[in-house]
Amino acid sequence: MHATAAGEDALTGLPQHDAFVAALEEAVSGAADSAGSVSMALVDIDHFARLNGDYGFAAGDAVLKALAQFIEGAFRERGKVFRFGGDAFAVLLPGSEKEEAFLMMEEARQGMSREREVLAEDGPVTLTANVTIGVAAYPDDGVKVAEIARKASEAVYRAKVSGANKVCLAREEKMVTKTSHYTQGQLHGLSRLAKREGVGEAVLLREALDDLFRKHNS
């Protein structure tokens, strides 16, 4: 296997999750200073586990590499592409409003959702790899990087349960209150941490859940 630069994904050559977080933080900081916008999108391959099961992991890897090349080429002049983890990619679009990002991602989705020949374990195979995409933006969907990424992820989920193979925008959420599932010590610690960091307790809880999901789904 050819060598990759530090921080690059060995399979696709794209920068990985930590690089995406750093780039999004930098873009959001710049947008805050200039009263601008930053959009991001999560691109998730539909039924990827089934694809691996039907055609083998070699075919799955070939699809990941092919889609990585396609997305990187599509957004080379307008943004930056990252391997977010597993079968998901992240696209960072500095300076783009959310609606503009939606249109760009829909055009890209149509290009990705087509037949392509890849090399499976038993030889070449022609298959279609559809994708579902969630789009979120600063400042429309939040001012914290973790909040923006979470809303993009939830947009992917909503699109998946409503049929997949589509682009979905983030939206306002209905929040629920904390319950007795937490100990008093945990709640006091959460309160102190929220005050120290200058953010809401719900933001910290959502960040912790995001880390948990990423740990077990990567």
C-alpha atoms as a PDB file:
ATOM      1  CA  MET A   1       0.000   0.000   0.000  1.00  0.00           C
ATOM      2  CA  HIS A   2       1.339   3.437  -0.855  1.00  0.00           C
ATOM      3  CA  ALA A   3       2.387   5.726   1.971  1.00  0.00           C
ATOM      4  CA  THR A   4       0.060   8.483   3.126  1.00  0.00           C
ATOM      5  CA  ALA A   5       0.754  11.765   4.845  1.00  0.00           C
ATOM      6  CA  ALA A   6       0.214  11.970   8.581  1.00  0.00           C
ATOM      7  CA  GLY A   7      -3.486  12.261   9.392  1.00  0.00           C
ATOM      8  CA  GLU A   8      -4.644  10.936   6.020  1.00  0.00           C
ATOM      9  CA  ASP A   9      -6.934   7.946   5.661  1.00  0.00           C
ATOM     10  CA  ALA A  10      -4.927   5.006   4.313  1.00  0.00           C
ATOM     11  CA  LEU A  11      -7.721   3.802   2.015  1.00  0.00           C
ATOM     12  CA  THR A  12      -8.935   7.032   0.400  1.00  0.00           C
ATOM     13  CA  GLY A  13      -6.052   9.437   1.029  1.00  0.00           C
ATOM     14  CA  LEU A  14      -8.480  11.971   2.497  1.00  0.00           C
ATOM     15  CA  PRO A  15      -7.825  13.823   5.751  1.00  0.00           C
ATOM     16  CA  GLN A  16      -9.667  12.243   8.652  1.00  0.00           C
ATOM     17  CA  HIS A  17     -12.162  13.216  11.354  1.00  0.00           C
ATOM     18  CA  ASP A  18      -9.821  15.245  13.576  1.00  0.00           C
ATOM     19  CA  ALA A  19      -8.694  17.307  10.585  1.00  0.00           C
ATOM     20  CA  PHE A  20     -12.337  17.961   9.710  1.00  0.00           C
ATOM     21  CA  VAL A  21     -13.122  19.206  13.223  1.00  0.00           C
ATOM     22  CA  ALA A  22     -10.099  21.525  13.150  1.00  0.00           C
ATOM     23  CA  ALA A  23     -11.013  22.851   9.696  1.00  0.00           C
ATOM     24  CA  LEU A  24     -14.643  23.437  10.690  1.00  0.00           C
ATOM     25  CA  GLU A  25     -13.563  25.267  13.847  1.00  0.00           C
ATOM     26  CA  GLU A  26     -11.272  27.501  11.801  1.00  0.00           C
ATOM     27  CA  ALA A  27     -13.982  28.167   9.207  1.00  0.00           C
ATOM     28  CA  VAL A  28     -16.594  28.975  11.868  1.00  0.00           C
ATOM     29  CA  SER A  29     -14.173  31.314  13.635  1.00  0.00           C
ATOM     30  CA  GLY A  30     -13.501  33.139  10.378  1.00  0.00           C
ATOM     31  CA  ALA A  31     -17.204  33.355   9.572  1.00  0.00           C
ATOM     32  CA  ALA A  32     -17.935  34.750  13.031  1.00  0.00           C
ATOM     33  CA  ASP A  33     -15.386  37.515  12.501  1.00  0.00           C
ATOM     34  CA  SER A  34     -16.816  38.434   9.095  1.00  0.00           C
ATOM     35  CA  ALA A  35     -20.529  37.755   9.744  1.00  0.00           C
ATOM     36  CA  GLY A  36     -20.366  35.043   7.096  1.00  0.00           C
ATOM     37  CA  SER A  37     -21.694  31.522   6.719  1.00  0.00           C
ATOM     38  CA  VAL A  38     -20.184  28.050   6.722  1.00  0.00           C
ATOM     39  CA  SER A  39     -21.992  24.930   5.559  1.00  0.00           C
ATOM     40  CA  MET A  40     -21.079  21.296   6.010  1.00  0.00           C
ATOM     41  CA  ALA A  41     -22.501  18.048   4.724  1.00  0.00           C
ATOM     42  CA  LEU A  42     -22.262  14.451   5.841  1.00  0.00           C
ATOM     43  CA  VAL A  43     -22.385  11.907   3.009  1.00  0.00           C
ATOM     44  CA  ASP A  44     -23.367   8.401   4.125  1.00  0.00           C
ATOM     45  CA  ILE A  45     -23.418   5.390   1.785  1.00  0.00           C
ATOM     46  CA  ASP A  46     -26.769   3.602   1.819  1.00  0.00           C
ATOM     47  CA  HIS A  47     -26.846  -0.100   2.799  1.00  0.00           C
ATOM     48  CA  PHE A  48     -23.057  -0.289   2.971  1.00  0.00           C
ATOM     49  CA  ALA A  49     -23.064  -3.330   5.259  1.00  0.00           C
ATOM     50  CA  ARG A  50     -25.259  -5.170   2.772  1.00  0.00           C
ATOM     51  CA  LEU A  51     -22.886  -4.214  -0.048  1.00  0.00           C
ATOM     52  CA  ASN A  52     -19.965  -5.706   1.896  1.00  0.00           C
ATOM     53  CA  GLY A  53     -22.010  -8.805   2.624  1.00  0.00           C
ATOM     54  CA  ASP A  54     -23.126  -9.329  -0.971  1.00  0.00           C
ATOM     55  CA  TYR A  55     -19.896  -8.488  -2.793  1.00  0.00           C
ATOM     56  CA  GLY A  56     -17.137  -8.679  -0.164  1.00  0.00           C
ATOM     57  CA  PHE A  57     -15.002  -6.108   1.600  1.00  0.00           C
ATOM     58  CA  ALA A  58     -12.817  -5.577  -1.455  1.00  0.00           C
ATOM     59  CA  ALA A  59     -15.841  -4.223  -3.311  1.00  0.00           C
ATOM     60  CA  GLY A  60     -16.769  -2.055  -0.331  1.00  0.00           C
ATOM     61  CA  ASP A  61     -13.274  -0.589  -0.219  1.00  0.00           C
ATOM     62  CA  ALA A  62     -13.389   0.036  -3.975  1.00  0.00           C
ATOM     63  CA  VAL A  63     -16.695   1.905  -3.603  1.00  0.00           C
ATOM     64  CA  LEU A  64     -15.254   4.046  -0.807  1.00  0.00           C
ATOM     65  CA  LYS A  65     -12.241   4.956  -2.922  1.00  0.00           C
ATOM     66  CA  ALA A  66     -14.370   5.691  -5.990  1.00  0.00           C
ATOM     67  CA  LEU A  67     -16.788   7.924  -4.077  1.00  0.00           C
ATOM     68  CA  ALA A  68     -13.917   9.694  -2.318  1.00  0.00           C
ATOM     69  CA  GLN A  69     -12.374  10.554  -5.677  1.00  0.00           C
ATOM     70  CA  PHE A  70     -15.708  11.706  -7.065  1.00  0.00           C
ATOM     71  CA  ILE A  71     -16.562  13.964  -4.111  1.00  0.00           C
ATOM     72  CA  GLU A  72     -13.079  15.417  -3.932  1.00  0.00           C
ATOM     73  CA  GLY A  73     -13.204  16.251  -7.628  1.00  0.00           C
ATOM     74  CA  ALA A  74     -16.688  17.747  -7.364  1.00  0.00           C
ATOM     75  CA  PHE A  75     -15.741  20.110  -4.539  1.00  0.00           C
ATOM     76  CA  ARG A  76     -12.095  20.798  -5.242  1.00  0.00           C
ATOM     77  CA  GLU A  77     -12.819  24.447  -6.120  1.00  0.00           C
ATOM     78  CA  ARG A  78     -15.545  25.041  -3.537  1.00  0.00           C
ATOM     79  CA  GLY A  79     -14.617  23.197  -0.369  1.00  0.00           C
ATOM     80  CA  LYS A  80     -12.730  20.394   1.324  1.00  0.00           C
ATOM     81  CA  VAL A  81     -13.574  16.693   1.672  1.00  0.00           C
ATOM     82  CA  PHE A  82     -12.757  14.431   4.631  1.00  0.00           C
ATOM     83  CA  ARG A  83     -13.237  10.788   5.618  1.00  0.00           C
ATOM     84  CA  PHE A  84     -15.565  11.293   8.571  1.00  0.00           C
ATOM     85  CA  GLY A  85     -15.455   7.662   9.664  1.00  0.00           C
ATOM     86  CA  GLY A  86     -16.801   4.291   8.538  1.00  0.00           C
ATOM     87  CA  ASP A  87     -18.770   4.753   5.335  1.00  0.00           C
ATOM     88  CA  ALA A  88     -19.279   8.496   5.805  1.00  0.00           C
ATOM     89  CA  PHE A  89     -17.559  11.521   4.298  1.00  0.00           C
ATOM     90  CA  ALA A  90     -17.719  15.155   5.388  1.00  0.00           C
ATOM     91  CA  VAL A  91     -17.725  18.107   3.012  1.00  0.00           C
ATOM     92  CA  LEU A  92     -16.788  21.554   4.340  1.00  0.00           C
ATOM     93  CA  LEU A  93     -18.121  24.512   2.358  1.00  0.00           C
ATOM     94  CA  PRO A  94     -16.801  27.816   3.759  1.00  0.00           C
ATOM     95  CA  GLY A  95     -18.764  30.877   2.660  1.00  0.00           C
ATOM     96  CA  SER A  96     -21.772  28.852   1.490  1.00  0.00           C
ATOM     97  CA  GLU A  97     -25.301  29.430   2.756  1.00  0.00           C
ATOM     98  CA  LYS A  98     -27.243  26.317   3.727  1.00  0.00           C
ATOM     99  CA  GLU A  99     -29.634  26.451   0.772  1.00  0.00           C
ATOM    100  CA  GLU A 100     -26.720  26.878  -1.647  1.00  0.00           C
ATOM    101  CA  ALA A 101     -24.977  23.901  -0.042  1.00  0.00           C
ATOM    102  CA  PHE A 102     -28.156  21.845  -0.403  1.00  0.00           C
ATOM    103  CA  LEU A 103     -28.247  22.454  -4.161  1.00  0.00           C
ATOM    104  CA  MET A 104     -24.562  21.603  -4.545  1.00  0.00           C
ATOM    105  CA  MET A 105     -24.945  18.400  -2.557  1.00  0.00           C
ATOM    106  CA  GLU A 106     -28.027  17.342  -4.525  1.00  0.00           C
ATOM    107  CA  GLU A 107     -26.080  17.717  -7.744  1.00  0.00           C
ATOM    108  CA  ALA A 108     -23.242  15.680  -6.251  1.00  0.00           C
ATOM    109  CA  ARG A 109     -25.652  13.029  -4.952  1.00  0.00           C
ATOM    110  CA  GLN A 110     -26.998  12.460  -8.437  1.00  0.00           C
ATOM    111  CA  GLY A 111     -23.453  12.022  -9.718  1.00  0.00           C
ATOM    112  CA  MET A 112     -22.562   9.557  -6.977  1.00  0.00           C
ATOM    113  CA  SER A 113     -25.753   7.492  -7.308  1.00  0.00           C
ATOM    114  CA  ARG A 114     -24.929   5.807 -10.583  1.00  0.00           C
ATOM    115  CA  GLU A 115     -23.653   2.463 -11.755  1.00  0.00           C
ATOM    116  CA  ARG A 116     -19.918   1.933 -11.527  1.00  0.00           C
ATOM    117  CA  GLU A 117     -17.652  -1.030 -12.041  1.00  0.00           C
ATOM    118  CA  VAL A 118     -15.507  -1.988  -9.051  1.00  0.00           C
ATOM    119  CA  LEU A 119     -13.194  -4.880  -8.335  1.00  0.00           C
ATOM    120  CA  ALA A 120     -14.756  -7.403  -5.954  1.00  0.00           C
ATOM    121  CA  GLU A 121     -13.069 -10.483  -4.490  1.00  0.00           C
ATOM    122  CA  ASP A 122     -14.292 -12.617  -7.403  1.00  0.00           C
ATOM    123  CA  GLY A 123     -13.537 -10.052 -10.096  1.00  0.00           C
ATOM    124  CA  PRO A 124     -15.136  -6.896 -11.536  1.00  0.00           C
ATOM    125  CA  VAL A 125     -18.751  -6.194 -10.603  1.00  0.00           C
ATOM    126  CA  THR A 126     -21.107  -3.415 -11.659  1.00  0.00           C
ATOM    127  CA  LEU A 127     -23.232  -1.949  -8.887  1.00  0.00           C
ATOM    128  CA  THR A 128     -24.960   1.236  -7.749  1.00  0.00           C
ATOM    129  CA  ALA A 129     -23.960   2.898  -4.488  1.00  0.00           C
ATOM    130  CA  ASN A 130     -26.579   5.425  -3.421  1.00  0.00           C
ATOM    131  CA  VAL A 131     -25.853   8.013  -0.738  1.00  0.00           C
ATOM    132  CA  THR A 132     -27.837   9.986   1.819  1.00  0.00           C
ATOM    133  CA  ILE A 133     -26.658  13.471   2.747  1.00  0.00           C
ATOM    134  CA  GLY A 134     -27.335  15.770   5.692  1.00  0.00           C
ATOM    135  CA  VAL A 135     -26.576  19.500   5.489  1.00  0.00           C
ATOM    136  CA  ALA A 136     -26.142  21.956   8.364  1.00  0.00           C
ATOM    137  CA  ALA A 137     -24.672  25.450   8.604  1.00  0.00           C
ATOM    138  CA  TYR A 138     -23.243  28.138  10.832  1.00  0.00           C
ATOM    139  CA  PRO A 139     -24.912  30.243  12.148  1.00  0.00           C
ATOM    140  CA  ASP A 140     -28.352  28.834  11.170  1.00  0.00           C
ATOM    141  CA  ASP A 141     -27.961  25.539  13.012  1.00  0.00           C
ATOM    142  CA  GLY A 142     -25.601  26.479  15.822  1.00  0.00           C
ATOM    143  CA  VAL A 143     -22.436  28.318  16.766  1.00  0.00           C
ATOM    144  CA  LYS A 144     -20.546  25.346  18.230  1.00  0.00           C
ATOM    145  CA  VAL A 145     -18.779  22.920  15.895  1.00  0.00           C
ATOM    146  CA  ALA A 146     -20.145  19.851  17.701  1.00  0.00           C
ATOM    147  CA  GLU A 147     -23.696  21.182  17.457  1.00  0.00           C
ATOM    148  CA  ILE A 148     -23.448  21.862  13.728  1.00  0.00           C
ATOM    149  CA  ALA A 149     -21.974  18.410  13.035  1.00  0.00           C
ATOM    150  CA  ARG A 150     -24.625  16.769  15.192  1.00  0.00           C
ATOM    151  CA  LYS A 151     -27.436  18.465  13.309  1.00  0.00           C
ATOM    152  CA  ALA A 152     -25.960  17.329   9.990  1.00  0.00           C
ATOM    153  CA  SER A 153     -25.802  13.782  11.365  1.00  0.00           C
ATOM    154  CA  GLU A 154     -29.411  13.946  12.518  1.00  0.00           C
ATOM    155  CA  ALA A 155     -30.437  15.221   9.081  1.00  0.00           C
ATOM    156  CA  VAL A 156     -28.838  12.078   7.620  1.00  0.00           C
ATOM    157  CA  TYR A 157     -30.830   9.951  10.038  1.00  0.00           C
ATOM    158  CA  ARG A 158     -34.126  11.637   9.154  1.00  0.00           C
ATOM    159  CA  ALA A 159     -33.403  11.156   5.465  1.00  0.00           C
ATOM    160  CA  LYS A 160     -32.558   7.478   6.014  1.00  0.00           C
ATOM    161  CA  VAL A 161     -35.802   6.688   7.819  1.00  0.00           C
ATOM    162  CA  SER A 162     -37.826   8.497   5.168  1.00  0.00           C
ATOM    163  CA  GLY A 163     -36.403   6.509   2.256  1.00  0.00           C
ATOM    164  CA  ALA A 164     -32.685   7.376   1.945  1.00  0.00           C
ATOM    165  CA  ASN A 165     -30.915   8.340  -1.314  1.00  0.00           C
ATOM    166  CA  LYS A 166     -31.676  12.043  -0.773  1.00  0.00           C
ATOM    167  CA  VAL A 167     -30.349  15.287   0.703  1.00  0.00           C
ATOM    168  CA  CYS A 168     -31.884  16.595   3.927  1.00  0.00           C
ATOM    169  CA  LEU A 169     -31.440  19.934   5.695  1.00  0.00           C
ATOM    170  CA  ALA A 170     -30.983  20.304   9.443  1.00  0.00           C
ATOM    171  CA  ARG A 171     -33.973  21.683  11.292  1.00  0.00           C
ATOM    172  CA  GLU A 172     -34.978  23.017  14.683  1.00  0.00           C
ATOM    173  CA  GLU A 173     -35.256  20.386  17.395  1.00  0.00           C
ATOM    174  CA  LYS A 174     -37.641  19.679  20.241  1.00  0.00           C
ATOM    175  CA  MET A 175     -35.579  19.282  23.393  1.00  0.00           C
ATOM    176  CA  VAL A 176     -36.301  16.987  26.340  1.00  0.00           C
ATOM    177  CA  THR A 177     -35.402  17.596  29.969  1.00  0.00           C
ATOM    178  CA  LYS A 178     -32.857  15.634  31.993  1.00  0.00           C
ATOM    179  CA  THR A 179     -34.332  12.747  34.002  1.00  0.00           C
ATOM    180  CA  SER A 180     -33.454  10.693  37.080  1.00  0.00           C
ATOM    181  CA  HIS A 181     -31.154   8.489  34.973  1.00  0.00           C
ATOM    182  CA  TYR A 182     -28.236  10.627  36.222  1.00  0.00           C
ATOM    183  CA  THR A 183     -26.794  10.591  39.740  1.00  0.00           C
ATOM    184  CA  GLN A 184     -26.673  13.776  41.791  1.00  0.00           C
ATOM    185  CA  GLY A 185     -22.886  13.710  41.549  1.00  0.00           C
ATOM    186  CA  GLN A 186     -23.056  13.533  37.755  1.00  0.00           C
ATOM    187  CA  LEU A 187     -25.537  16.396  37.582  1.00  0.00           C
ATOM    188  CA  HIS A 188     -23.438  18.609  39.869  1.00  0.00           C
ATOM    189  CA  GLY A 189     -20.330  17.795  37.835  1.00  0.00           C
ATOM    190  CA  LEU A 190     -22.159  18.572  34.617  1.00  0.00           C
ATOM    191  CA  SER A 191     -23.314  21.910  36.011  1.00  0.00           C
ATOM    192  CA  ARG A 192     -19.788  22.880  37.083  1.00  0.00           C
ATOM    193  CA  LEU A 193     -18.320  21.864  33.714  1.00  0.00           C
ATOM    194  CA  ALA A 194     -20.974  23.814  31.790  1.00  0.00           C
ATOM    195  CA  LYS A 195     -20.238  26.953  33.804  1.00  0.00           C
ATOM    196  CA  ARG A 196     -16.499  26.536  33.353  1.00  0.00           C
ATOM    197  CA  GLU A 197     -16.779  26.030  29.576  1.00  0.00           C
ATOM    198  CA  GLY A 198     -19.458  28.683  29.117  1.00  0.00           C
ATOM    199  CA  VAL A 199     -21.885  26.373  27.298  1.00  0.00           C
ATOM    200  CA  GLY A 200     -25.218  24.779  28.100  1.00  0.00           C
ATOM    201  CA  GLU A 201     -25.459  21.438  29.879  1.00  0.00           C
ATOM    202  CA  ALA A 202     -27.454  19.998  26.956  1.00  0.00           C
ATOM    203  CA  VAL A 203     -24.596  20.870  24.571  1.00  0.00           C
ATOM    204  CA  LEU A 204     -22.138  18.895  26.719  1.00  0.00           C
ATOM    205  CA  LEU A 205     -24.482  15.909  26.928  1.00  0.00           C
ATOM    206  CA  ARG A 206     -24.981  15.888  23.159  1.00  0.00           C
ATOM    207  CA  GLU A 207     -21.217  16.083  22.586  1.00  0.00           C
ATOM    208  CA  ALA A 208     -20.731  13.092  24.902  1.00  0.00           C
ATOM    209  CA  LEU A 209     -23.360  11.090  23.018  1.00  0.00           C
ATOM    210  CA  ASP A 210     -21.789  12.024  19.682  1.00  0.00           C
ATOM    211  CA  ASP A 211     -18.417  10.740  20.954  1.00  0.00           C
ATOM    212  CA  LEU A 212     -20.079   7.534  22.151  1.00  0.00           C
ATOM    213  CA  PHE A 213     -21.820   6.913  18.817  1.00  0.00           C
ATOM    214  CA  ARG A 214     -18.632   7.647  16.860  1.00  0.00           C
ATOM    215  CA  LYS A 215     -16.638   5.267  19.070  1.00  0.00           C
ATOM    216  CA  HIS A 216     -18.990   2.339  18.508  1.00  0.00           C
ATOM    217  CA  ASN A 217     -19.922   3.063  14.871  1.00  0.00           C
ATOM    218  CA  SER A 218     -16.463   3.762  13.461  1.00  0.00           C
END
